[in-house]
C-alpha atoms as a PDB file:
ATOM      1  CA  UNK A   1      62.710-121.932  41.937  1.00  0.00           C
ATOM      2  CA  UNK A   2      64.674-122.756  44.837  1.00  0.00           C
ATOM      3  CA  UNK A   3      61.309-121.928  47.286  1.00  0.00           C
ATOM      4  CA  UNK A   4      59.143-123.871  45.049  1.00  0.00           C
ATOM      5  CA  UNK A   5      61.198-126.997  45.663  1.00  0.00           C
ATOM      6  CA  UNK A   6      61.218-125.958  49.407  1.00  0.00           C
ATOM      7  CA  UNK A   7      57.290-126.305  49.230  1.00  0.00           C
ATOM      8  CA  UNK A   8      57.084-129.358  46.994  1.00  0.00           C
ATOM      9  CA  UNK A   9      59.373-130.865  49.392  1.00  0.00           C
ATOM     10  CA  UNK A  10      56.948-129.617  52.589  1.00  0.00           C
ATOM     11  CA  UNK A  11      54.306-131.032  50.643  1.00  0.00           C
ATOM     12  CA  UNK A  12      55.437-134.340  50.289  1.00  0.00           C
ATOM     13  CA  UNK A  13      56.733-134.567  54.274  1.00  0.00           C
ATOM     14  CA  UNK A  14      53.148-133.772  55.191  1.00  0.00           C
ATOM     15  CA  UNK A  15      51.893-137.036  53.144  1.00  0.00           C
ATOM     16  CA  UNK A  16      54.230-139.084  55.545  1.00  0.00           C
ATOM     17  CA  UNK A  17      53.644-137.615  59.003  1.00  0.00           C
ATOM     18  CA  UNK A  18      51.734-134.756  60.057  1.00  0.00           C
ATOM     19  CA  UNK A  19      53.872-131.283  61.022  1.00  0.00           C
ATOM     20  CA  UNK A  20      52.765-129.304  63.607  1.00  0.00           C
ATOM     21  CA  UNK A  21      51.310-125.714  62.747  1.00  0.00           C
ATOM     22  CA  UNK A  22      54.079-124.334  65.250  1.00  0.00           C
ATOM     23  CA  UNK A  23      56.663-125.892  62.957  1.00  0.00           C
ATOM     24  CA  UNK A  24      55.148-123.802  60.311  1.00  0.00           C
ATOM     25  CA  UNK A  25      54.892-120.961  62.122  1.00  0.00           C
ATOM     26  CA  UNK A  26      58.583-120.926  62.994  1.00  0.00           C
ATOM     27  CA  UNK A  27      59.775-121.446  59.264  1.00  0.00           C
ATOM     28  CA  UNK A  28      57.539-118.424  58.271  1.00  0.00           C
ATOM     29  CA  UNK A  29      55.637-120.100  55.527  1.00  0.00           C
ATOM     30  CA  UNK A  30      52.547-119.154  57.412  1.00  0.00           C
ATOM     31  CA  UNK A  31      51.589-116.883  59.334  1.00  0.00           C
ATOM     32  CA  UNK A  32      52.154-116.997  63.134  1.00  0.00           C
ATOM     33  CA  UNK A  33      48.418-115.634  63.705  1.00  0.00           C
ATOM     34  CA  UNK A  34      45.713-113.879  61.174  1.00  0.00           C
ATOM     35  CA  UNK A  35      47.081-110.103  61.208  1.00  0.00           C
ATOM     36  CA  UNK A  36      50.623-110.883  62.274  1.00  0.00           C
ATOM     37  CA  UNK A  37      53.476-109.676  60.120  1.00  0.00           C
ATOM     38  CA  UNK A  38      56.623-111.862  58.430  1.00  0.00           C
ATOM     39  CA  UNK A  39      58.893-109.721  60.596  1.00  0.00           C
ATOM     40  CA  UNK A  40      58.716-108.673  63.902  1.00  0.00           C
ATOM     41  CA  UNK A  41      58.536-104.675  63.872  1.00  0.00           C
ATOM     42  CA  UNK A  42      59.438-103.710  67.569  1.00  0.00           C
ATOM     43  CA  UNK A  43      59.325-100.219  66.864  1.00  0.00           C
ATOM     44  CA  UNK A  44      55.319-100.326  66.221  1.00  0.00           C
ATOM     45  CA  UNK A  45      55.411-102.472  69.815  1.00  0.00           C
ATOM     46  CA  UNK A  46      54.025-100.886  73.236  1.00  0.00           C
ATOM     47  CA  UNK A  47      56.554 -98.697  75.004  1.00  0.00           C
ATOM     48  CA  UNK A  48      58.332-100.974  77.226  1.00  0.00           C
ATOM     49  CA  UNK A  49      58.055 -98.404  80.389  1.00  0.00           C
ATOM     50  CA  UNK A  50      54.331 -98.840  80.266  1.00  0.00           C
ATOM     51  CA  UNK A  51      54.191-102.400  81.140  1.00  0.00           C
ATOM     52  CA  UNK A  52      56.723-102.357  83.823  1.00  0.00           C
ATOM     53  CA  UNK A  53      53.837-102.686  86.555  1.00  0.00           C
ATOM     54  CA  UNK A  54      51.543-105.898  84.967  1.00  0.00           C
ATOM     55  CA  UNK A  55      50.174-107.337  87.967  1.00  0.00           C
ATOM     56  CA  UNK A  56      50.816-110.727  86.590  1.00  0.00           C
ATOM     57  CA  UNK A  57      53.996-109.947  84.401  1.00  0.00           C
ATOM     58  CA  UNK A  58      54.691-109.624  80.950  1.00  0.00           C
ATOM     59  CA  UNK A  59      54.233-112.460  77.994  1.00  0.00           C
ATOM     60  CA  UNK A  60      55.010-112.411  74.085  1.00  0.00           C
ATOM     61  CA  UNK A  61      51.676-111.292  71.980  1.00  0.00           C
ATOM     62  CA  UNK A  62      49.535-113.415  69.761  1.00  0.00           C
ATOM     63  CA  UNK A  63      52.404-112.984  66.911  1.00  0.00           C
ATOM     64  CA  UNK A  64      55.448-113.481  69.317  1.00  0.00           C
ATOM     65  CA  UNK A  65      56.876-110.108  68.473  1.00  0.00           C
ATOM     66  CA  UNK A  66      55.643-107.547  71.344  1.00  0.00           C
ATOM     67  CA  UNK A  67      55.545-107.764  74.774  1.00  0.00           C
ATOM     68  CA  UNK A  68      52.010-107.507  76.670  1.00  0.00           C
ATOM     69  CA  UNK A  69      50.645-107.534  80.074  1.00  0.00           C
ATOM     70  CA  UNK A  70      49.637-111.020  80.891  1.00  0.00           C
ATOM     71  CA  UNK A  71      46.478-112.348  82.752  1.00  0.00           C
ATOM     72  CA  UNK A  72      46.576-113.401  86.262  1.00  0.00           C
ATOM     73  CA  UNK A  73      45.225-116.621  87.962  1.00  0.00           C
ATOM     74  CA  UNK A  74      41.265-116.886  87.759  1.00  0.00           C
ATOM     75  CA  UNK A  75      40.556-114.475  84.874  1.00  0.00           C
ATOM     76  CA  UNK A  76      39.554-114.975  81.345  1.00  0.00           C
ATOM     77  CA  UNK A  77      41.732-115.869  78.573  1.00  0.00           C
ATOM     78  CA  UNK A  78      41.577-116.998  74.738  1.00  0.00           C
ATOM     79  CA  UNK A  79      41.709-120.771  74.607  1.00  0.00           C
ATOM     80  CA  UNK A  80      42.489-119.932  71.076  1.00  0.00           C
ATOM     81  CA  UNK A  81      45.152-117.873  71.063  1.00  0.00           C
ATOM     82  CA  UNK A  82      44.040-116.545  67.630  1.00  0.00           C
ATOM     83  CA  UNK A  83      40.816-115.232  69.324  1.00  0.00           C
ATOM     84  CA  UNK A  84      42.783-112.046  70.696  1.00  0.00           C
ATOM     85  CA  UNK A  85      39.672-111.212  72.743  1.00  0.00           C
ATOM     86  CA  UNK A  86      41.022-111.342  76.565  1.00  0.00           C
ATOM     87  CA  UNK A  87      44.234-111.876  76.051  1.00  0.00           C
ATOM     88  CA  UNK A  88      47.215-114.595  77.328  1.00  0.00           C
ATOM     89  CA  UNK A  89      47.571-115.933  80.450  1.00  0.00           C
ATOM     90  CA  UNK A  90      51.111-114.873  81.992  1.00  0.00           C
ATOM     91  CA  UNK A  91      53.713-116.855  83.115  1.00  0.00           C
ATOM     92  CA  UNK A  92      53.465-120.243  85.145  1.00  0.00           C
ATOM     93  CA  UNK A  93      49.675-120.421  84.271  1.00  0.00           C
ATOM     94  CA  UNK A  94      48.027-122.015  81.834  1.00  0.00           C
ATOM     95  CA  UNK A  95      44.423-121.251  79.844  1.00  0.00           C
ATOM     96  CA  UNK A  96      41.564-124.247  80.663  1.00  0.00           C
ATOM     97  CA  UNK A  97      38.118-124.227  80.765  1.00  0.00           C
ATOM     98  CA  UNK A  98      37.203-125.252  84.132  1.00  0.00           C
ATOM     99  CA  UNK A  99      35.366-128.394  84.456  1.00  0.00           C
ATOM    100  CA  UNK A 100      32.011-126.983  85.934  1.00  0.00           C
ATOM    101  CA  UNK A 101      31.723-124.918  82.435  1.00  0.00           C
ATOM    102  CA  UNK A 102      32.540-127.427  80.578  1.00  0.00           C
ATOM    103  CA  UNK A 103      30.057-129.606  82.197  1.00  0.00           C
ATOM    104  CA  UNK A 104      27.274-126.571  81.895  1.00  0.00           C
ATOM    105  CA  UNK A 105      28.514-126.471  78.001  1.00  0.00           C
ATOM    106  CA  UNK A 106      28.092-130.148  77.779  1.00  0.00           C
ATOM    107  CA  UNK A 107      24.337-129.975  79.429  1.00  0.00           C
ATOM    108  CA  UNK A 108      23.400-126.676  78.146  1.00  0.00           C
ATOM    109  CA  UNK A 109      20.193-126.800  76.177  1.00  0.00           C
ATOM    110  CA  UNK A 110      20.464-123.066  74.543  1.00  0.00           C
ATOM    111  CA  UNK A 111      19.742-123.067  71.055  1.00  0.00           C
ATOM    112  CA  UNK A 112      22.412-120.558  70.088  1.00  0.00           C
ATOM    113  CA  UNK A 113      26.184-121.594  69.884  1.00  0.00           C
ATOM    114  CA  UNK A 114      28.170-120.652  72.905  1.00  0.00           C
ATOM    115  CA  UNK A 115      31.794-121.601  73.689  1.00  0.00           C
ATOM    116  CA  UNK A 116      32.732-122.606  77.441  1.00  0.00           C
ATOM    117  CA  UNK A 117      34.356-119.831  78.609  1.00  0.00           C
ATOM    118  CA  UNK A 118      38.647-120.761  79.823  1.00  0.00           C
ATOM    119  CA  UNK A 119      40.542-118.465  82.733  1.00  0.00           C
ATOM    120  CA  UNK A 120      44.168-118.660  83.541  1.00  0.00           C
ATOM    121  CA  UNK A 121      44.871-122.055  86.335  1.00  0.00           C
ATOM    122  CA  UNK A 122      48.318-122.388  87.569  1.00  0.00           C
ATOM    123  CA  UNK A 123      50.037-124.895  85.926  1.00  0.00           C
ATOM    124  CA  UNK A 124      51.732-126.360  89.158  1.00  0.00           C
ATOM    125  CA  UNK A 125      49.451-126.439  92.523  1.00  0.00           C
ATOM    126  CA  UNK A 126      51.954-127.411  95.207  1.00  0.00           C
ATOM    127  CA  UNK A 127      51.717-125.510  98.907  1.00  0.00           C
ATOM    128  CA  UNK A 128      54.408-123.676 100.077  1.00  0.00           C
ATOM    129  CA  UNK A 129      55.583-121.949 102.587  1.00  0.00           C
ATOM    130  CA  UNK A 130      57.263-118.575 101.791  1.00  0.00           C
ATOM    131  CA  UNK A 131      60.423-116.362 103.615  1.00  0.00           C
ATOM    132  CA  UNK A 132      57.743-113.513 104.980  1.00  0.00           C
ATOM    133  CA  UNK A 133      55.853-116.473 106.964  1.00  0.00           C
ATOM    134  CA  UNK A 134      52.682-117.026 105.161  1.00  0.00           C
ATOM    135  CA  UNK A 135      51.557-120.220 102.892  1.00  0.00           C
ATOM    136  CA  UNK A 136      50.526-119.564  99.452  1.00  0.00           C
ATOM    137  CA  UNK A 137      48.460-122.005  97.811  1.00  0.00           C
ATOM    138  CA  UNK A 138      51.264-121.951  94.565  1.00  0.00           C
ATOM    139  CA  UNK A 139      54.357-120.588  93.083  1.00  0.00           C
ATOM    140  CA  UNK A 140      52.012-118.563  90.905  1.00  0.00           C
ATOM    141  CA  UNK A 141      50.059-116.646  93.935  1.00  0.00           C
ATOM    142  CA  UNK A 142      53.413-116.301  95.451  1.00  0.00           C
ATOM    143  CA  UNK A 143      54.775-114.758  91.841  1.00  0.00           C
ATOM    144  CA  UNK A 144      51.523-112.352  92.479  1.00  0.00           C
ATOM    145  CA  UNK A 145      52.431-111.157  95.623  1.00  0.00           C
ATOM    146  CA  UNK A 146      56.093-110.253  95.012  1.00  0.00           C
ATOM    147  CA  UNK A 147      55.014-107.444  92.267  1.00  0.00           C
ATOM    148  CA  UNK A 148      52.735-106.102  94.645  1.00  0.00           C
ATOM    149  CA  UNK A 149      55.760-105.275  96.436  1.00  0.00           C
ATOM    150  CA  UNK A 150      56.827-101.330  96.733  1.00  0.00           C
ATOM    151  CA  UNK A 151      60.040-100.866  95.075  1.00  0.00           C
ATOM    152  CA  UNK A 152      62.877-101.496  97.783  1.00  0.00           C
ATOM    153  CA  UNK A 153      60.588-104.431  99.970  1.00  0.00           C
ATOM    154  CA  UNK A 154      61.982-107.336 100.609  1.00  0.00           C
ATOM    155  CA  UNK A 155      60.620-110.159  97.821  1.00  0.00           C
ATOM    156  CA  UNK A 156      59.222-113.253  99.837  1.00  0.00           C
ATOM    157  CA  UNK A 157      61.022-116.620  98.389  1.00  0.00           C
ATOM    158  CA  UNK A 158      59.922-120.122  98.607  1.00  0.00           C
ATOM    159  CA  UNK A 159      61.328-121.280 102.159  1.00  0.00           C
ATOM    160  CA  UNK A 160      59.518-125.046 101.805  1.00  0.00           C
ATOM    161  CA  UNK A 161      57.258-126.789 100.439  1.00  0.00           C
ATOM    162  CA  UNK A 162      54.731-127.635 102.026  1.00  0.00           C
ATOM    163  CA  UNK A 163      52.368-124.816 104.654  1.00  0.00           C
ATOM    164  CA  UNK A 164      54.215-123.148 107.263  1.00  0.00           C
ATOM    165  CA  UNK A 165      54.247-124.253 110.663  1.00  0.00           C
ATOM    166  CA  UNK A 166      52.655-122.057 113.009  1.00  0.00           C
ATOM    167  CA  UNK A 167      49.918-121.439 116.111  1.00  0.00           C
ATOM    168  CA  UNK A 168      46.619-121.109 115.145  1.00  0.00           C
ATOM    169  CA  UNK A 169      44.967-117.766 113.765  1.00  0.00           C
ATOM    170  CA  UNK A 170      41.044-117.077 114.458  1.00  0.00           C
ATOM    171  CA  UNK A 171      40.290-115.667 110.762  1.00  0.00           C
ATOM    172  CA  UNK A 172      36.439-115.485 111.959  1.00  0.00           C
ATOM    173  CA  UNK A 173      35.583-115.216 115.833  1.00  0.00           C
ATOM    174  CA  UNK A 174      31.961-115.645 117.318  1.00  0.00           C
ATOM    175  CA  UNK A 175      29.637-112.447 117.546  1.00  0.00           C
ATOM    176  CA  UNK A 176      28.622-110.902 120.744  1.00  0.00           C
ATOM    177  CA  UNK A 177      24.407-111.019 120.584  1.00  0.00           C
ATOM    178  CA  UNK A 178      21.563-110.051 122.249  1.00  0.00           C
ATOM    179  CA  UNK A 179      18.796-112.683 121.942  1.00  0.00           C
ATOM    180  CA  UNK A 180      15.214-113.283 123.041  1.00  0.00           C
ATOM    181  CA  UNK A 181      14.189-115.560 125.406  1.00  0.00           C
ATOM    182  CA  UNK A 182      13.431-119.044 123.633  1.00  0.00           C
ATOM    183  CA  UNK A 183      15.157-118.327 120.739  1.00  0.00           C
ATOM    184  CA  UNK A 184      18.110-119.916 119.124  1.00  0.00           C
ATOM    185  CA  UNK A 185      21.656-118.929 119.641  1.00  0.00           C
ATOM    186  CA  UNK A 186      24.604-119.874 117.353  1.00  0.00           C
ATOM    187  CA  UNK A 187      28.165-118.804 117.734  1.00  0.00           C
ATOM    188  CA  UNK A 188      30.746-119.486 114.795  1.00  0.00           C
ATOM    189  CA  UNK A 189      34.332-119.465 114.657  1.00  0.00           C
ATOM    190  CA  UNK A 190      36.925-120.139 111.889  1.00  0.00           C
ATOM    191  CA  UNK A 191      40.436-121.109 112.806  1.00  0.00           C
ATOM    192  CA  UNK A 192      43.588-121.504 110.368  1.00  0.00           C
ATOM    193  CA  UNK A 193      46.897-123.253 111.261  1.00  0.00           C
ATOM    194  CA  UNK A 194      49.288-125.883 110.792  1.00  0.00           C
ATOM    195  CA  UNK A 195      49.403-128.405 112.207  1.00  0.00           C
ATOM    196  CA  UNK A 196      45.701-128.671 112.510  1.00  0.00           C
ATOM    197  CA  UNK A 197      43.903-126.862 115.735  1.00  0.00           C
ATOM    198  CA  UNK A 198      41.680-128.565 117.907  1.00  0.00           C
ATOM    199  CA  UNK A 199      38.669-126.001 118.829  1.00  0.00           C
ATOM    200  CA  UNK A 200      37.002-126.002 122.045  1.00  0.00           C
ATOM    201  CA  UNK A 201      34.604-123.499 124.026  1.00  0.00           C
ATOM    202  CA  UNK A 202      34.226-121.946 127.299  1.00  0.00           C
ATOM    203  CA  UNK A 203      31.841-120.240 129.334  1.00  0.00           C
ATOM    204  CA  UNK A 204      32.918-117.524 132.074  1.00  0.00           C
ATOM    205  CA  UNK A 205      36.160-119.568 132.138  1.00  0.00           C
ATOM    206  CA  UNK A 206      34.889-122.976 132.399  1.00  0.00           C
ATOM    207  CA  UNK A 207      35.287-125.230 129.641  1.00  0.00           C
ATOM    208  CA  UNK A 208      31.960-126.313 128.244  1.00  0.00           C
ATOM    209  CA  UNK A 209      32.941-130.279 127.515  1.00  0.00           C
ATOM    210  CA  UNK A 210      31.489-132.974 124.477  1.00  0.00           C
ATOM    211  CA  UNK A 211      29.005-133.709 124.875  1.00  0.00           C
ATOM    212  CA  UNK A 212      27.829-131.139 126.495  1.00  0.00           C
ATOM    213  CA  UNK A 213      27.372-130.055 130.090  1.00  0.00           C
ATOM    214  CA  UNK A 214      23.788-128.575 129.596  1.00  0.00           C
ATOM    215  CA  UNK A 215      21.687-130.211 127.311  1.00  0.00           C
ATOM    216  CA  UNK A 216      20.607-127.193 125.535  1.00  0.00           C
ATOM    217  CA  UNK A 217      24.263-126.711 124.162  1.00  0.00           C
ATOM    218  CA  UNK A 218      25.520-128.647 121.017  1.00  0.00           C
ATOM    219  CA  UNK A 219      28.895-128.054 120.127  1.00  0.00           C
ATOM    220  CA  UNK A 220      30.663-129.340 116.819  1.00  0.00           C
ATOM    221  CA  UNK A 221      34.177-128.881 114.336  1.00  0.00           C
ATOM    222  CA  UNK A 222      34.556-129.706 111.175  1.00  0.00           C
ATOM    223  CA  UNK A 223      37.272-128.569 108.094  1.00  0.00           C
ATOM    224  CA  UNK A 224      36.929-126.047 106.111  1.00  0.00           C
ATOM    225  CA  UNK A 225      35.561-123.504 104.479  1.00  0.00           C
ATOM    226  CA  UNK A 226      39.406-123.433 103.530  1.00  0.00           C
ATOM    227  CA  UNK A 227      41.758-125.206 102.829  1.00  0.00           C
ATOM    228  CA  UNK A 228      44.004-125.221 106.077  1.00  0.00           C
ATOM    229  CA  UNK A 229      40.685-124.599 107.734  1.00  0.00           C
ATOM    230  CA  UNK A 230      38.799-125.614 110.954  1.00  0.00           C
ATOM    231  CA  UNK A 231      35.173-124.327 111.784  1.00  0.00           C
ATOM    232  CA  UNK A 232      33.820-124.238 115.040  1.00  0.00           C
ATOM    233  CA  UNK A 233      29.993-124.063 116.403  1.00  0.00           C
ATOM    234  CA  UNK A 234      28.464-123.956 119.791  1.00  0.00           C
ATOM    235  CA  UNK A 235      24.456-123.431 119.307  1.00  0.00           C
ATOM    236  CA  UNK A 236      22.181-122.945 122.480  1.00  0.00           C
ATOM    237  CA  UNK A 237      18.423-124.112 122.153  1.00  0.00           C
ATOM    238  CA  UNK A 238      16.135-122.157 123.887  1.00  0.00           C
ATOM    239  CA  UNK A 239      17.974-119.663 125.321  1.00  0.00           C
ATOM    240  CA  UNK A 240      17.513-119.071 129.321  1.00  0.00           C
ATOM    241  CA  UNK A 241      18.325-116.283 131.497  1.00  0.00           C
ATOM    242  CA  UNK A 242      20.963-118.906 133.127  1.00  0.00           C
ATOM    243  CA  UNK A 243      23.001-119.315 129.512  1.00  0.00           C
ATOM    244  CA  UNK A 244      23.873-115.278 129.697  1.00  0.00           C
ATOM    245  CA  UNK A 245      27.568-114.946 130.061  1.00  0.00           C
ATOM    246  CA  UNK A 246      30.990-114.702 127.865  1.00  0.00           C
ATOM    247  CA  UNK A 247      31.468-117.840 125.845  1.00  0.00           C
ATOM    248  CA  UNK A 248      34.729-118.036 124.341  1.00  0.00           C
ATOM    249  CA  UNK A 249      36.459-120.508 121.221  1.00  0.00           C
ATOM    250  CA  UNK A 250      39.907-121.322 121.963  1.00  0.00           C
ATOM    251  CA  UNK A 251      42.043-123.278 118.823  1.00  0.00           C
ATOM    252  CA  UNK A 252      45.388-124.858 119.998  1.00  0.00           C
ATOM    253  CA  UNK A 253      48.271-126.879 118.253  1.00  0.00           C
ATOM    254  CA  UNK A 254      51.851-127.651 119.225  1.00  0.00           C
ATOM    255  CA  UNK A 255      52.384-123.839 118.642  1.00  0.00           C
ATOM    256  CA  UNK A 256      50.282-121.983 120.615  1.00  0.00           C
ATOM    257  CA  UNK A 257      46.215-120.802 121.319  1.00  0.00           C
ATOM    258  CA  UNK A 258      44.127-118.339 120.181  1.00  0.00           C
ATOM    259  CA  UNK A 259      41.403-117.155 121.675  1.00  0.00           C
ATOM    260  CA  UNK A 260      38.295-115.068 120.901  1.00  0.00           C
ATOM    261  CA  UNK A 261      35.219-114.148 123.070  1.00  0.00           C
ATOM    262  CA  UNK A 262      31.558-112.944 122.714  1.00  0.00           C
ATOM    263  CA  UNK A 263      28.671-112.246 125.310  1.00  0.00           C
ATOM    264  CA  UNK A 264      25.407-113.439 125.177  1.00  0.00           C
ATOM    265  CA  UNK A 265      22.573-111.360 126.593  1.00  0.00           C
ATOM    266  CA  UNK A 266      19.218-113.077 127.185  1.00  0.00           C
ATOM    267  CA  UNK A 267      16.161-110.478 127.295  1.00  0.00           C
ATOM    268  CA  UNK A 268      12.846-111.307 128.382  1.00  0.00           C
ATOM    269  CA  UNK A 269      10.370-111.382 125.997  1.00  0.00           C
ATOM    270  CA  UNK A 270       8.313-108.616 127.972  1.00  0.00           C
ATOM    271  CA  UNK A 271      11.154-106.737 127.438  1.00  0.00           C
ATOM    272  CA  UNK A 272       9.636-103.277 125.640  1.00  0.00           C
ATOM    273  CA  UNK A 273      13.464-102.774 124.479  1.00  0.00           C
ATOM    274  CA  UNK A 274      14.404-106.202 123.113  1.00  0.00           C
ATOM    275  CA  UNK A 275      13.645-105.537 119.477  1.00  0.00           C
ATOM    276  CA  UNK A 276      15.559-102.455 119.555  1.00  0.00           C
ATOM    277  CA  UNK A 277      18.822-104.409 121.195  1.00  0.00           C
ATOM    278  CA  UNK A 278      19.003-107.660 118.666  1.00  0.00           C
ATOM    279  CA  UNK A 279      22.545-106.400 117.406  1.00  0.00           C
ATOM    280  CA  UNK A 280      25.592-107.550 116.712  1.00  0.00           C
ATOM    281  CA  UNK A 281      28.698-105.961 118.829  1.00  0.00           C
ATOM    282  CA  UNK A 282      32.580-105.951 118.205  1.00  0.00           C
ATOM    283  CA  UNK A 283      34.556-109.125 119.709  1.00  0.00           C
ATOM    284  CA  UNK A 284      38.121-109.445 120.782  1.00  0.00           C
ATOM    285  CA  UNK A 285      40.738-111.816 119.868  1.00  0.00           C
ATOM    286  CA  UNK A 286      43.670-112.944 122.047  1.00  0.00           C
ATOM    287  CA  UNK A 287      46.713-114.669 120.841  1.00  0.00           C
ATOM    288  CA  UNK A 288      48.558-116.208 123.651  1.00  0.00           C
ATOM    289  CA  UNK A 289      51.703-117.620 122.812  1.00  0.00           C
ATOM    290  CA  UNK A 290      52.387-120.562 123.998  1.00  0.00           C
ATOM    291  CA  UNK A 291      55.563-123.148 123.697  1.00  0.00           C
ATOM    292  CA  UNK A 292      55.249-127.031 122.627  1.00  0.00           C
ATOM    293  CA  UNK A 293      56.832-129.872 121.034  1.00  0.00           C
ATOM    294  CA  UNK A 294      57.136-129.661 117.246  1.00  0.00           C
ATOM    295  CA  UNK A 295      53.807-131.912 116.613  1.00  0.00           C
ATOM    296  CA  UNK A 296      53.322-132.976 113.114  1.00  0.00           C
ATOM    297  CA  UNK A 297      49.737-134.449 113.017  1.00  0.00           C
ATOM    298  CA  UNK A 298      50.054-136.207 109.834  1.00  0.00           C
ATOM    299  CA  UNK A 299      47.617-136.289 107.634  1.00  0.00           C
ATOM    300  CA  UNK A 300      45.887-133.020 108.864  1.00  0.00           C
ATOM    301  CA  UNK A 301      46.192-130.335 106.179  1.00  0.00           C
ATOM    302  CA  UNK A 302      46.157-126.796 107.802  1.00  0.00           C
ATOM    303  CA  UNK A 303      47.576-123.549 107.163  1.00  0.00           C
ATOM    304  CA  UNK A 304      48.271-119.954 108.409  1.00  0.00           C
ATOM    305  CA  UNK A 305      47.673-116.526 107.121  1.00  0.00           C
ATOM    306  CA  UNK A 306      45.908-118.257 103.937  1.00  0.00           C
ATOM    307  CA  UNK A 307      46.455-115.817 100.695  1.00  0.00           C
END
């Protein structure tokens, strides 16, 4: 009799103001999810020690009873927890449909009904510098790095928010090349640093100034492709024998300099071995530690050891 009265009171309340389904679940009047029992039975849950090494950590299942491995950043997830297909996102992550996927779904002309796929994204996007000297895009990536450590290893923590300040690191160096006379040669150099580094080129130890000293040589630099990165290019049009030499990409900021070199060899068109020598050789990277004032180039986002 008391239960009927409680249900009647609840129905009257619903007529006045909507009640969230989470409230009904907590009151155990309706099941938490289809297939869930009214009372949690931990004895039926997976063995706890099997979940100790979940890469992204543990989360409660859709019933709120058993522990299961959560999905990491970038993995598919169930926007509707009742689906139970991909699983739930780990701590600090939210299940969201990416804008690009949502736009594709809205403009899709497919006749079959489909649902846009959701992925786990970090709830907070705040760049931070950890005690291991690395820059992380958010706390979710830091947690992932912490869980990937072996037992007994020092766990990095947040040192401060914002990227770590450091000397430049060349992430992609120019490649040594053998080019046919009259063809075009391009050297690429990607640099990661904070504060933002400046990139300049040298040939055989001598600086190549912009605009270039040679009309057939052009240099360019712009930010990207990743956050805290700068990419520099050196292009030589219609290479000549006197273009041969060692070309060096040098990146510099207030904390030091890093450089990487590549050799260009120009092959005569008449050379019978030219086609056999059109290949790439290893390159060398040199880091020159250099003291300098702690200059913060305000407004220049850059970083070190991007993970």
